[in-house]
């Protein structure tokens, strides 16, 4: 009936320091800076965009971020983001949740949500994109301690420019494959031989199986 319900779970998560070597140098630097960040006050642009091909470790990085931010931010995984931004009542139920501590921050996780950000998002999801942008830096989001993290497997060129324009995203991280040299170094640390190929994280773990 498009009303918000919440279920809490405890899951195993790594610290960022445990998995930093599983990302190419440029990606690890960007994620490390984000892991050490803390939002404070009424900062604008509370949208975090992670994009990159499948198998580059976005979900695992998300678990590590939850651990690094655990003291000041609660993580809420939205299972139906298209419904969340498709229904004003549902969206406001989530944003104005009276059970939450007003002094803390919340991160709304919208995983694999490329259609919400696409160039033709208005035709695919109606007003969903407009409402998302209004939450992160519009009137609706003013005074709310809410950060929205969106992950997508789509390349940046297919994402609506309103999402990725400078000043709107608090952080924008592209998850890439390991360059050949870094991939071989990763395999060498694991006691395996490289072959001079660029590889995604998933491919590195599966190499030799």
N, C-alpha and C. Protein backbone atom coordinates (compact mmCIF):
# COMPACT_ATOMS: atom_id res chain seq x y z
N UNK A 1 0.83 -1.22 0.00
CA UNK A 1 0.00 0.00 0.00
C UNK A 1 0.86 1.26 0.00
N UNK A 2 2.15 1.10 -0.36
CA UNK A 2 3.09 2.22 -0.47
C UNK A 2 3.29 2.95 0.86
N UNK A 3 3.26 2.19 1.93
CA UNK A 3 3.64 2.73 3.23
C UNK A 3 4.98 2.13 3.61
N UNK A 4 5.78 2.91 4.32
CA UNK A 4 7.12 2.44 4.67
C UNK A 4 7.07 1.45 5.83
N UNK A 5 7.79 0.36 5.70
CA UNK A 5 8.01 -0.56 6.81
C UNK A 5 9.52 -0.81 6.91
N UNK A 6 9.98 -1.11 8.11
CA UNK A 6 11.42 -1.25 8.32
C UNK A 6 11.71 -2.52 9.09
N UNK A 7 12.72 -3.24 8.63
CA UNK A 7 13.21 -4.42 9.32
C UNK A 7 14.71 -4.26 9.55
N UNK A 8 15.18 -4.54 10.76
CA UNK A 8 16.59 -4.38 11.09
C UNK A 8 17.31 -5.73 11.03
N UNK A 9 18.55 -5.70 10.52
CA UNK A 9 19.37 -6.91 10.47
C UNK A 9 20.80 -6.56 10.84
N UNK A 10 21.48 -7.52 11.44
CA UNK A 10 22.91 -7.39 11.67
C UNK A 10 23.63 -8.26 10.64
N UNK A 11 24.63 -7.68 9.95
CA UNK A 11 25.37 -8.43 8.95
C UNK A 11 26.87 -8.27 9.20
N UNK A 12 27.64 -9.22 8.72
CA UNK A 12 29.09 -9.15 8.85
C UNK A 12 29.64 -8.15 7.84
N UNK A 13 30.50 -7.26 8.30
CA UNK A 13 31.09 -6.25 7.42
C UNK A 13 32.58 -6.13 7.71
N UNK A 14 33.37 -5.76 6.71
CA UNK A 14 34.81 -5.57 6.93
C UNK A 14 35.12 -4.11 7.26
N UNK A 15 36.25 -3.87 7.87
CA UNK A 15 36.77 -2.51 7.98
C UNK A 15 37.38 -2.13 6.64
N UNK A 16 37.42 -0.84 6.35
CA UNK A 16 37.97 -0.41 5.07
C UNK A 16 39.42 -0.86 4.92
N UNK A 17 40.21 -0.81 5.99
CA UNK A 17 41.61 -1.19 5.92
C UNK A 17 41.80 -2.66 5.50
N UNK A 18 40.80 -3.49 5.75
CA UNK A 18 40.89 -4.91 5.41
C UNK A 18 40.73 -5.16 3.92
N UNK A 19 40.05 -4.27 3.22
CA UNK A 19 39.73 -4.55 1.81
C UNK A 19 40.30 -3.50 0.85
N UNK A 20 41.03 -2.52 1.36
CA UNK A 20 41.52 -1.43 0.51
C UNK A 20 42.35 -1.93 -0.66
N UNK A 21 43.12 -3.01 -0.44
CA UNK A 21 43.98 -3.55 -1.51
C UNK A 21 43.18 -4.24 -2.61
N UNK A 22 41.89 -4.41 -2.41
CA UNK A 22 41.06 -5.06 -3.43
C UNK A 22 40.49 -4.07 -4.44
N UNK A 23 41.04 -2.86 -4.45
CA UNK A 23 40.57 -1.84 -5.40
C UNK A 23 41.77 -1.21 -6.09
N UNK A 24 41.62 -0.86 -7.36
CA UNK A 24 42.70 -0.14 -8.05
C UNK A 24 43.08 1.11 -7.28
N UNK A 25 44.28 1.57 -7.43
CA UNK A 25 44.81 2.65 -6.62
C UNK A 25 43.92 3.89 -6.63
N UNK A 26 43.47 4.30 -7.80
CA UNK A 26 42.65 5.51 -7.90
C UNK A 26 41.31 5.33 -7.19
N UNK A 27 40.72 4.15 -7.33
CA UNK A 27 39.44 3.87 -6.67
C UNK A 27 39.63 3.81 -5.16
N UNK A 28 40.69 3.15 -4.71
CA UNK A 28 40.96 3.03 -3.28
C UNK A 28 41.17 4.39 -2.64
N UNK A 29 41.84 5.29 -3.34
CA UNK A 29 42.07 6.63 -2.78
C UNK A 29 40.74 7.38 -2.61
N UNK A 30 39.86 7.27 -3.60
CA UNK A 30 38.57 7.94 -3.52
C UNK A 30 37.71 7.35 -2.40
N UNK A 31 37.70 6.03 -2.29
CA UNK A 31 36.90 5.37 -1.26
C UNK A 31 37.48 5.63 0.13
N UNK A 32 38.79 5.67 0.24
CA UNK A 32 39.41 5.94 1.53
C UNK A 32 39.07 7.33 2.03
N UNK A 33 39.05 8.30 1.12
CA UNK A 33 38.68 9.66 1.51
C UNK A 33 37.23 9.72 1.96
N UNK A 34 36.36 8.97 1.27
CA UNK A 34 34.95 8.95 1.65
C UNK A 34 34.74 8.25 2.99
N UNK A 35 35.45 7.16 3.22
CA UNK A 35 35.32 6.41 4.47
C UNK A 35 35.71 7.26 5.67
N UNK A 36 36.66 8.17 5.48
CA UNK A 36 37.10 9.01 6.58
C UNK A 36 36.32 10.30 6.72
N UNK A 37 35.31 10.47 5.90
CA UNK A 37 34.54 11.71 5.91
C UNK A 37 33.39 11.63 6.91
N UNK A 38 32.98 12.82 7.39
CA UNK A 38 31.79 12.90 8.23
C UNK A 38 30.99 14.13 7.83
N UNK A 39 29.69 13.93 7.61
CA UNK A 39 28.82 15.05 7.28
C UNK A 39 28.45 15.78 8.56
N UNK A 40 28.37 17.08 8.47
CA UNK A 40 28.07 17.87 9.65
C UNK A 40 27.28 19.11 9.23
N UNK A 41 26.34 19.52 10.06
CA UNK A 41 25.55 20.72 9.76
C UNK A 41 24.61 20.49 8.60
N UNK A 42 24.26 21.56 7.94
CA UNK A 42 23.30 21.50 6.85
C UNK A 42 24.02 21.58 5.51
N UNK A 43 24.83 20.58 5.22
CA UNK A 43 25.58 20.57 3.98
C UNK A 43 24.67 20.24 2.80
N UNK A 44 24.91 20.91 1.69
CA UNK A 44 24.14 20.65 0.48
C UNK A 44 24.82 19.57 -0.34
N UNK A 45 24.09 19.05 -1.32
CA UNK A 45 24.67 18.04 -2.19
C UNK A 45 24.90 16.73 -1.51
N UNK A 46 23.91 16.21 -0.77
CA UNK A 46 24.11 14.97 -0.02
C UNK A 46 23.74 13.75 -0.88
N UNK A 47 24.32 13.70 -2.05
CA UNK A 47 24.15 12.57 -2.96
C UNK A 47 25.52 11.95 -3.20
N UNK A 48 25.61 10.63 -3.08
CA UNK A 48 26.83 9.90 -3.38
C UNK A 48 26.53 8.97 -4.54
N UNK A 49 27.32 9.04 -5.58
CA UNK A 49 27.10 8.25 -6.79
C UNK A 49 28.27 7.31 -7.01
N UNK A 50 27.98 6.02 -7.04
CA UNK A 50 28.98 5.00 -7.36
C UNK A 50 28.57 4.35 -8.67
N UNK A 51 29.46 4.35 -9.65
CA UNK A 51 29.12 3.74 -10.94
C UNK A 51 30.31 2.95 -11.45
N UNK A 52 30.02 1.91 -12.22
CA UNK A 52 31.07 1.06 -12.76
C UNK A 52 30.52 -0.30 -13.15
N UNK A 53 31.29 -1.02 -13.93
CA UNK A 53 30.82 -2.31 -14.45
C UNK A 53 30.65 -3.31 -13.32
N UNK A 54 29.83 -4.35 -13.52
CA UNK A 54 29.67 -5.38 -12.49
C UNK A 54 31.00 -6.06 -12.17
N UNK A 55 31.12 -6.51 -10.91
CA UNK A 55 32.31 -7.25 -10.52
C UNK A 55 33.46 -6.38 -10.04
N UNK A 56 33.21 -5.09 -9.81
CA UNK A 56 34.29 -4.19 -9.39
C UNK A 56 34.25 -3.88 -7.90
N UNK A 57 33.33 -4.51 -7.15
CA UNK A 57 33.38 -4.42 -5.69
C UNK A 57 32.55 -3.34 -5.04
N UNK A 58 31.48 -2.89 -5.72
CA UNK A 58 30.66 -1.82 -5.14
C UNK A 58 29.95 -2.27 -3.87
N UNK A 59 29.37 -3.45 -3.89
CA UNK A 59 28.62 -3.92 -2.72
C UNK A 59 29.54 -4.15 -1.52
N UNK A 60 30.72 -4.70 -1.75
CA UNK A 60 31.65 -4.94 -0.64
C UNK A 60 32.13 -3.63 -0.04
N UNK A 61 32.35 -2.64 -0.90
CA UNK A 61 32.76 -1.32 -0.41
C UNK A 61 31.65 -0.69 0.41
N UNK A 62 30.42 -0.96 0.04
CA UNK A 62 29.27 -0.44 0.78
C UNK A 62 29.24 -1.01 2.20
N UNK A 63 29.56 -2.27 2.35
CA UNK A 63 29.61 -2.89 3.68
C UNK A 63 30.70 -2.25 4.54
N UNK A 64 31.84 -2.00 3.92
CA UNK A 64 32.94 -1.37 4.66
C UNK A 64 32.58 0.06 5.07
N UNK A 65 31.90 0.77 4.19
CA UNK A 65 31.49 2.14 4.52
C UNK A 65 30.54 2.14 5.72
N UNK A 66 29.67 1.15 5.79
CA UNK A 66 28.75 1.04 6.92
C UNK A 66 29.52 0.91 8.24
N UNK A 67 30.60 0.17 8.20
CA UNK A 67 31.41 0.01 9.42
C UNK A 67 32.12 1.30 9.78
N UNK A 68 32.70 1.96 8.79
CA UNK A 68 33.46 3.18 9.06
C UNK A 68 32.57 4.32 9.55
N UNK A 69 31.32 4.34 9.14
CA UNK A 69 30.40 5.42 9.53
C UNK A 69 29.47 5.03 10.67
N UNK A 70 29.71 3.88 11.28
CA UNK A 70 28.73 3.31 12.22
C UNK A 70 28.44 4.22 13.42
N UNK A 71 29.38 5.07 13.82
CA UNK A 71 29.21 5.88 15.03
C UNK A 71 28.29 7.08 14.82
N UNK A 72 28.07 7.46 13.57
CA UNK A 72 27.29 8.68 13.35
C UNK A 72 26.21 8.56 12.29
N UNK A 73 26.14 7.39 11.61
CA UNK A 73 25.18 7.27 10.52
C UNK A 73 24.55 5.88 10.50
N UNK A 74 23.22 5.83 10.39
CA UNK A 74 22.51 4.56 10.23
C UNK A 74 22.30 4.29 8.75
N UNK A 75 22.47 3.04 8.35
CA UNK A 75 22.32 2.66 6.95
C UNK A 75 20.95 2.03 6.73
N UNK A 76 20.22 2.53 5.73
CA UNK A 76 18.90 2.00 5.38
C UNK A 76 18.93 1.55 3.92
N UNK A 77 18.76 0.25 3.71
CA UNK A 77 18.76 -0.30 2.35
C UNK A 77 17.33 -0.29 1.83
N UNK A 78 17.12 0.44 0.75
CA UNK A 78 15.77 0.56 0.16
C UNK A 78 15.60 -0.55 -0.87
N UNK A 79 14.64 -1.44 -0.63
CA UNK A 79 14.46 -2.58 -1.52
C UNK A 79 13.69 -2.23 -2.78
N UNK A 80 12.93 -1.14 -2.77
CA UNK A 80 12.12 -0.77 -3.94
C UNK A 80 12.25 0.73 -4.24
N UNK A 81 13.44 1.17 -4.69
CA UNK A 81 13.66 2.60 -4.89
C UNK A 81 12.73 3.24 -5.90
N UNK A 82 12.30 2.46 -6.91
CA UNK A 82 11.38 3.04 -7.89
C UNK A 82 10.03 3.37 -7.26
N UNK A 83 9.62 2.57 -6.27
CA UNK A 83 8.38 2.86 -5.55
C UNK A 83 8.58 4.01 -4.57
N UNK A 84 9.76 4.05 -3.94
CA UNK A 84 10.04 5.11 -2.97
C UNK A 84 9.88 6.48 -3.58
N UNK A 85 10.48 6.69 -4.74
CA UNK A 85 10.41 7.99 -5.38
C UNK A 85 9.22 8.12 -6.33
N UNK A 86 8.46 7.04 -6.45
CA UNK A 86 7.25 7.10 -7.27
C UNK A 86 6.03 7.50 -6.48
N UNK A 87 6.12 7.46 -5.15
CA UNK A 87 4.98 7.76 -4.29
C UNK A 87 5.38 8.81 -3.26
N UNK A 88 4.84 10.02 -3.33
CA UNK A 88 5.19 11.06 -2.36
C UNK A 88 4.94 10.63 -0.92
N UNK A 89 3.83 9.91 -0.68
CA UNK A 89 3.52 9.50 0.70
C UNK A 89 4.56 8.53 1.24
N UNK A 90 4.90 7.54 0.43
CA UNK A 90 5.91 6.56 0.83
C UNK A 90 7.24 7.28 1.10
N UNK A 91 7.63 8.17 0.21
CA UNK A 91 8.89 8.88 0.36
C UNK A 91 8.92 9.69 1.65
N UNK A 92 7.85 10.39 1.95
CA UNK A 92 7.82 11.22 3.16
C UNK A 92 7.77 10.35 4.42
N UNK A 93 7.13 9.19 4.34
CA UNK A 93 7.15 8.25 5.47
C UNK A 93 8.58 7.90 5.85
N UNK A 94 9.42 7.68 4.83
CA UNK A 94 10.81 7.30 5.07
C UNK A 94 11.63 8.50 5.56
N UNK A 95 11.47 9.63 4.89
CA UNK A 95 12.28 10.80 5.21
C UNK A 95 11.95 11.38 6.57
N UNK A 96 10.69 11.29 6.96
CA UNK A 96 10.25 11.90 8.22
C UNK A 96 9.98 10.85 9.28
N UNK A 97 10.73 9.77 9.25
CA UNK A 97 10.55 8.66 10.19
C UNK A 97 10.74 9.16 11.62
N UNK A 98 9.66 9.15 12.40
CA UNK A 98 9.72 9.69 13.77
C UNK A 98 10.49 8.79 14.72
N UNK A 99 10.77 7.54 14.31
CA UNK A 99 11.51 6.63 15.19
C UNK A 99 13.00 6.89 15.16
N UNK A 100 13.45 7.70 14.22
CA UNK A 100 14.88 7.95 14.10
C UNK A 100 15.33 9.06 15.04
N UNK A 101 16.58 8.96 15.47
CA UNK A 101 17.20 9.98 16.32
C UNK A 101 17.54 11.20 15.46
N UNK A 102 16.96 12.34 15.78
CA UNK A 102 17.17 13.53 14.97
C UNK A 102 18.61 14.00 14.96
N UNK A 103 19.40 13.58 15.96
CA UNK A 103 20.79 14.04 16.04
C UNK A 103 21.73 13.27 15.12
N UNK A 104 21.27 12.11 14.61
CA UNK A 104 22.12 11.29 13.76
C UNK A 104 21.77 11.43 12.29
N UNK A 105 22.63 10.90 11.46
CA UNK A 105 22.42 10.90 10.02
C UNK A 105 21.93 9.54 9.57
N UNK A 106 21.28 9.52 8.41
CA UNK A 106 20.86 8.27 7.79
C UNK A 106 21.36 8.25 6.36
N UNK A 107 21.80 7.07 5.93
CA UNK A 107 22.19 6.87 4.54
C UNK A 107 21.16 5.96 3.90
N UNK A 108 20.48 6.45 2.87
CA UNK A 108 19.54 5.64 2.10
C UNK A 108 20.30 5.01 0.94
N UNK A 109 20.32 3.70 0.88
CA UNK A 109 21.08 2.98 -0.14
C UNK A 109 20.14 2.54 -1.25
N UNK A 110 20.41 3.01 -2.46
CA UNK A 110 19.63 2.62 -3.64
C UNK A 110 20.59 1.88 -4.56
N UNK A 111 20.60 0.56 -4.47
CA UNK A 111 21.59 -0.24 -5.20
C UNK A 111 21.06 -0.64 -6.57
N UNK A 112 21.95 -0.59 -7.57
CA UNK A 112 21.62 -0.98 -8.95
C UNK A 112 20.39 -0.21 -9.45
N UNK A 113 20.47 1.10 -9.38
CA UNK A 113 19.31 1.94 -9.68
C UNK A 113 19.58 2.83 -10.89
N UNK A 114 20.16 2.25 -11.94
CA UNK A 114 20.51 3.02 -13.11
C UNK A 114 19.32 3.64 -13.81
N UNK A 115 18.17 2.94 -13.82
CA UNK A 115 17.01 3.47 -14.54
C UNK A 115 16.49 4.76 -13.93
N UNK A 116 16.73 4.95 -12.63
CA UNK A 116 16.28 6.17 -11.97
C UNK A 116 17.11 7.37 -12.39
N UNK A 117 18.34 7.11 -12.85
CA UNK A 117 19.27 8.19 -13.19
C UNK A 117 19.47 8.35 -14.68
N UNK A 118 18.79 7.56 -15.49
CA UNK A 118 19.06 7.54 -16.92
C UNK A 118 18.67 8.83 -17.61
N UNK A 119 19.22 9.04 -18.81
CA UNK A 119 18.89 10.23 -19.59
C UNK A 119 17.39 10.32 -19.86
N UNK A 120 16.74 9.16 -20.03
CA UNK A 120 15.30 9.14 -20.27
C UNK A 120 14.53 8.76 -19.01
N UNK A 121 15.07 9.16 -17.85
CA UNK A 121 14.47 8.75 -16.57
C UNK A 121 13.02 9.18 -16.45
N UNK A 122 12.66 10.33 -17.00
CA UNK A 122 11.29 10.80 -16.86
C UNK A 122 10.30 9.85 -17.53
N UNK A 123 10.74 9.23 -18.63
CA UNK A 123 9.85 8.30 -19.33
C UNK A 123 9.84 6.94 -18.66
N UNK A 124 10.96 6.57 -17.98
CA UNK A 124 11.03 5.26 -17.33
C UNK A 124 10.41 5.28 -15.94
N UNK A 125 10.64 6.35 -15.18
CA UNK A 125 10.25 6.35 -13.77
C UNK A 125 9.39 7.55 -13.38
N UNK A 126 8.88 8.29 -14.37
CA UNK A 126 8.01 9.43 -14.05
C UNK A 126 8.77 10.53 -13.33
N UNK A 127 8.26 10.94 -12.17
CA UNK A 127 8.86 12.03 -11.42
C UNK A 127 9.93 11.56 -10.43
N UNK A 128 10.34 10.30 -10.53
CA UNK A 128 11.29 9.74 -9.57
C UNK A 128 12.58 10.52 -9.49
N UNK A 129 13.18 10.86 -10.65
CA UNK A 129 14.44 11.57 -10.65
C UNK A 129 14.29 12.96 -10.03
N UNK A 130 13.22 13.66 -10.39
CA UNK A 130 13.00 15.00 -9.83
C UNK A 130 12.87 14.95 -8.32
N UNK A 131 12.19 13.94 -7.80
CA UNK A 131 12.01 13.83 -6.35
C UNK A 131 13.32 13.46 -5.67
N UNK A 132 14.12 12.61 -6.31
CA UNK A 132 15.42 12.27 -5.76
C UNK A 132 16.27 13.53 -5.62
N UNK A 133 16.33 14.33 -6.66
CA UNK A 133 17.14 15.55 -6.62
C UNK A 133 16.60 16.54 -5.60
N UNK A 134 15.30 16.56 -5.41
CA UNK A 134 14.71 17.46 -4.42
C UNK A 134 15.04 17.03 -3.01
N UNK A 135 15.25 15.72 -2.81
CA UNK A 135 15.63 15.22 -1.49
C UNK A 135 17.07 15.59 -1.17
N UNK A 136 17.97 15.45 -2.14
CA UNK A 136 19.39 15.62 -1.83
C UNK A 136 19.81 17.08 -1.77
N UNK A 137 19.21 17.97 -2.55
CA UNK A 137 19.62 19.37 -2.44
C UNK A 137 18.50 20.35 -2.76
N UNK A 138 17.25 19.90 -2.63
CA UNK A 138 16.12 20.79 -2.86
C UNK A 138 15.41 21.13 -1.57
N UNK A 139 14.21 21.66 -1.68
CA UNK A 139 13.47 22.11 -0.51
C UNK A 139 13.10 20.96 0.42
N UNK A 140 12.77 19.80 -0.17
CA UNK A 140 12.36 18.67 0.66
C UNK A 140 13.48 18.25 1.60
N UNK A 141 14.71 18.27 1.09
CA UNK A 141 15.84 17.79 1.88
C UNK A 141 16.39 18.77 2.88
N UNK A 142 15.95 20.02 2.81
CA UNK A 142 16.50 21.02 3.72
C UNK A 142 16.20 20.66 5.17
N UNK A 143 17.23 20.64 6.01
CA UNK A 143 17.07 20.34 7.43
C UNK A 143 17.06 18.87 7.76
N UNK A 144 17.05 17.99 6.74
CA UNK A 144 17.08 16.55 6.99
C UNK A 144 18.52 16.05 6.97
N UNK A 145 18.85 15.22 7.94
CA UNK A 145 20.20 14.63 7.96
C UNK A 145 20.16 13.30 7.21
N UNK A 146 19.97 13.42 5.91
CA UNK A 146 19.82 12.24 5.05
C UNK A 146 20.81 12.33 3.90
N UNK A 147 21.55 11.27 3.69
CA UNK A 147 22.43 11.12 2.54
C UNK A 147 21.87 10.00 1.67
N UNK A 148 21.89 10.18 0.36
CA UNK A 148 21.41 9.14 -0.56
C UNK A 148 22.60 8.62 -1.35
N UNK A 149 22.83 7.31 -1.27
CA UNK A 149 23.91 6.68 -2.03
C UNK A 149 23.28 5.82 -3.12
N UNK A 150 23.61 6.12 -4.36
CA UNK A 150 23.08 5.38 -5.51
C UNK A 150 24.22 4.63 -6.17
N UNK A 151 24.02 3.34 -6.43
CA UNK A 151 24.99 2.57 -7.21
C UNK A 151 24.34 2.17 -8.52
N UNK A 152 25.14 2.13 -9.57
CA UNK A 152 24.65 1.71 -10.88
C UNK A 152 25.78 1.08 -11.67
N UNK A 153 25.43 0.12 -12.51
CA UNK A 153 26.40 -0.49 -13.40
C UNK A 153 26.52 0.27 -14.72
N UNK A 154 25.72 1.32 -14.88
CA UNK A 154 25.71 2.07 -16.13
C UNK A 154 26.89 3.03 -16.20
N UNK A 155 27.44 3.27 -17.39
CA UNK A 155 28.51 4.26 -17.54
C UNK A 155 27.98 5.66 -17.31
N UNK A 156 28.88 6.55 -16.92
CA UNK A 156 28.48 7.91 -16.57
C UNK A 156 27.80 8.62 -17.73
N UNK A 157 28.18 8.31 -18.96
CA UNK A 157 27.62 9.01 -20.11
C UNK A 157 26.13 8.75 -20.29
N UNK A 158 25.61 7.66 -19.69
CA UNK A 158 24.19 7.36 -19.81
C UNK A 158 23.37 7.92 -18.66
N UNK A 159 24.04 8.56 -17.69
CA UNK A 159 23.36 9.11 -16.52
C UNK A 159 22.94 10.55 -16.79
N UNK A 160 21.78 10.93 -16.33
CA UNK A 160 21.25 12.27 -16.56
C UNK A 160 22.23 13.31 -16.02
N UNK A 161 22.56 14.33 -16.81
CA UNK A 161 23.55 15.32 -16.35
C UNK A 161 23.13 16.08 -15.10
N UNK A 162 21.83 16.11 -14.82
CA UNK A 162 21.37 16.79 -13.60
C UNK A 162 21.88 16.09 -12.35
N UNK A 163 22.16 14.78 -12.46
CA UNK A 163 22.65 14.02 -11.31
C UNK A 163 24.13 14.27 -11.07
N UNK A 164 24.90 14.26 -12.13
CA UNK A 164 26.36 14.28 -11.99
C UNK A 164 26.98 15.67 -12.13
N UNK A 165 26.15 16.70 -12.24
CA UNK A 165 26.72 18.04 -12.43
C UNK A 165 27.55 18.44 -11.21
N UNK A 166 28.60 19.26 -11.42
CA UNK A 166 29.47 19.68 -10.31
C UNK A 166 28.67 20.38 -9.21
N UNK A 167 28.99 20.03 -7.96
CA UNK A 167 28.33 20.65 -6.83
C UNK A 167 27.13 19.90 -6.30
N UNK A 168 26.61 18.97 -7.09
CA UNK A 168 25.44 18.22 -6.62
C UNK A 168 25.85 16.98 -5.84
N UNK A 169 26.88 16.30 -6.30
CA UNK A 169 27.31 15.07 -5.64
C UNK A 169 28.33 15.38 -4.54
N UNK A 170 28.09 14.86 -3.36
CA UNK A 170 29.09 14.96 -2.29
C UNK A 170 30.29 14.09 -2.63
N UNK A 171 30.06 13.01 -3.36
CA UNK A 171 31.15 12.14 -3.81
C UNK A 171 30.68 11.36 -5.02
N UNK A 172 31.56 11.22 -5.98
CA UNK A 172 31.27 10.46 -7.18
C UNK A 172 32.46 9.54 -7.44
N UNK A 173 32.23 8.24 -7.36
CA UNK A 173 33.33 7.28 -7.48
C UNK A 173 33.04 6.34 -8.65
N UNK A 174 34.01 6.25 -9.56
CA UNK A 174 33.90 5.28 -10.65
C UNK A 174 34.69 4.03 -10.28
N UNK A 175 34.00 2.89 -10.24
CA UNK A 175 34.64 1.61 -9.93
C UNK A 175 35.12 1.01 -11.24
N UNK A 176 36.43 0.84 -11.35
CA UNK A 176 37.03 0.36 -12.59
C UNK A 176 37.72 -0.98 -12.38
N UNK A 177 38.09 -1.59 -13.50
CA UNK A 177 38.91 -2.80 -13.43
C UNK A 177 40.33 -2.41 -13.04
N UNK A 178 41.10 -3.38 -12.55
CA UNK A 178 42.50 -3.16 -12.26
C UNK A 178 43.28 -3.03 -13.58
N UNK A 179 44.11 -2.00 -13.73
CA UNK A 179 45.04 -2.01 -14.87
C UNK A 179 45.92 -3.26 -14.79
N UNK A 180 46.49 -3.65 -15.92
CA UNK A 180 47.24 -4.90 -15.98
C UNK A 180 48.34 -4.99 -14.93
N UNK A 181 49.10 -3.91 -14.75
CA UNK A 181 50.20 -3.94 -13.78
C UNK A 181 49.70 -4.14 -12.36
N UNK A 182 48.61 -3.45 -11.99
CA UNK A 182 48.06 -3.59 -10.64
C UNK A 182 47.40 -4.94 -10.46
N UNK A 183 46.80 -5.47 -11.53
CA UNK A 183 46.18 -6.80 -11.45
C UNK A 183 47.24 -7.87 -11.19
N UNK A 184 48.37 -7.77 -11.90
CA UNK A 184 49.44 -8.75 -11.69
C UNK A 184 50.02 -8.64 -10.27
N UNK A 185 50.12 -7.40 -9.76
CA UNK A 185 50.63 -7.21 -8.40
C UNK A 185 49.68 -7.82 -7.38
N UNK A 186 48.37 -7.68 -7.61
CA UNK A 186 47.37 -8.26 -6.71
C UNK A 186 47.51 -9.78 -6.70
N UNK A 187 47.63 -10.37 -7.88
CA UNK A 187 47.75 -11.83 -7.97
C UNK A 187 49.05 -12.31 -7.31
N UNK A 188 50.11 -11.54 -7.46
CA UNK A 188 51.39 -11.91 -6.85
C UNK A 188 51.28 -11.93 -5.32
N UNK A 189 50.55 -10.94 -4.76
CA UNK A 189 50.34 -10.93 -3.30
C UNK A 189 49.58 -12.16 -2.84
N UNK A 190 48.74 -12.70 -3.73
CA UNK A 190 47.95 -13.88 -3.40
C UNK A 190 48.67 -15.18 -3.75
N UNK A 191 49.93 -15.06 -4.20
CA UNK A 191 50.71 -16.24 -4.53
C UNK A 191 50.35 -16.87 -5.86
N UNK A 192 49.80 -16.06 -6.77
CA UNK A 192 49.42 -16.57 -8.09
C UNK A 192 50.12 -15.77 -9.18
N UNK A 193 50.19 -16.34 -10.36
CA UNK A 193 50.89 -15.70 -11.48
C UNK A 193 49.93 -14.82 -12.27
N UNK A 194 50.39 -13.63 -12.63
CA UNK A 194 49.62 -12.76 -13.48
C UNK A 194 49.87 -13.08 -14.95
N UNK A 195 49.05 -12.48 -15.80
CA UNK A 195 49.20 -12.73 -17.24
C UNK A 195 49.20 -11.43 -18.05
N UNK A 196 49.38 -10.30 -17.36
CA UNK A 196 49.45 -9.03 -18.07
C UNK A 196 48.12 -8.51 -18.56
N UNK A 197 47.02 -8.98 -17.95
CA UNK A 197 45.69 -8.55 -18.38
C UNK A 197 45.04 -7.64 -17.34
N UNK A 198 44.28 -6.66 -17.81
CA UNK A 198 43.44 -5.87 -16.91
C UNK A 198 42.30 -6.76 -16.44
N UNK A 199 41.94 -6.64 -15.17
CA UNK A 199 40.92 -7.54 -14.61
C UNK A 199 40.04 -6.81 -13.60
N UNK A 200 38.78 -7.23 -13.54
CA UNK A 200 37.92 -6.75 -12.48
C UNK A 200 38.25 -7.51 -11.21
N UNK A 201 37.76 -7.00 -10.07
CA UNK A 201 37.99 -7.68 -8.80
C UNK A 201 37.43 -9.10 -8.83
N UNK A 202 36.23 -9.26 -9.37
CA UNK A 202 35.63 -10.59 -9.45
C UNK A 202 36.48 -11.54 -10.28
N UNK A 203 37.05 -11.02 -11.36
CA UNK A 203 37.90 -11.84 -12.21
C UNK A 203 39.19 -12.23 -11.48
N UNK A 204 39.72 -11.33 -10.67
CA UNK A 204 40.93 -11.66 -9.91
C UNK A 204 40.67 -12.79 -8.93
N UNK A 205 39.56 -12.72 -8.22
CA UNK A 205 39.25 -13.78 -7.26
C UNK A 205 39.00 -15.11 -7.96
N UNK A 206 38.48 -15.05 -9.17
CA UNK A 206 38.18 -16.28 -9.89
C UNK A 206 39.33 -16.77 -10.75
N UNK A 207 40.43 -16.01 -10.82
CA UNK A 207 41.55 -16.38 -11.69
C UNK A 207 42.18 -17.69 -11.21
N UNK A 208 42.28 -18.63 -12.12
CA UNK A 208 42.92 -19.91 -11.81
C UNK A 208 41.95 -20.96 -11.30
N UNK A 209 40.67 -20.58 -11.07
CA UNK A 209 39.70 -21.57 -10.58
C UNK A 209 39.27 -22.49 -11.73
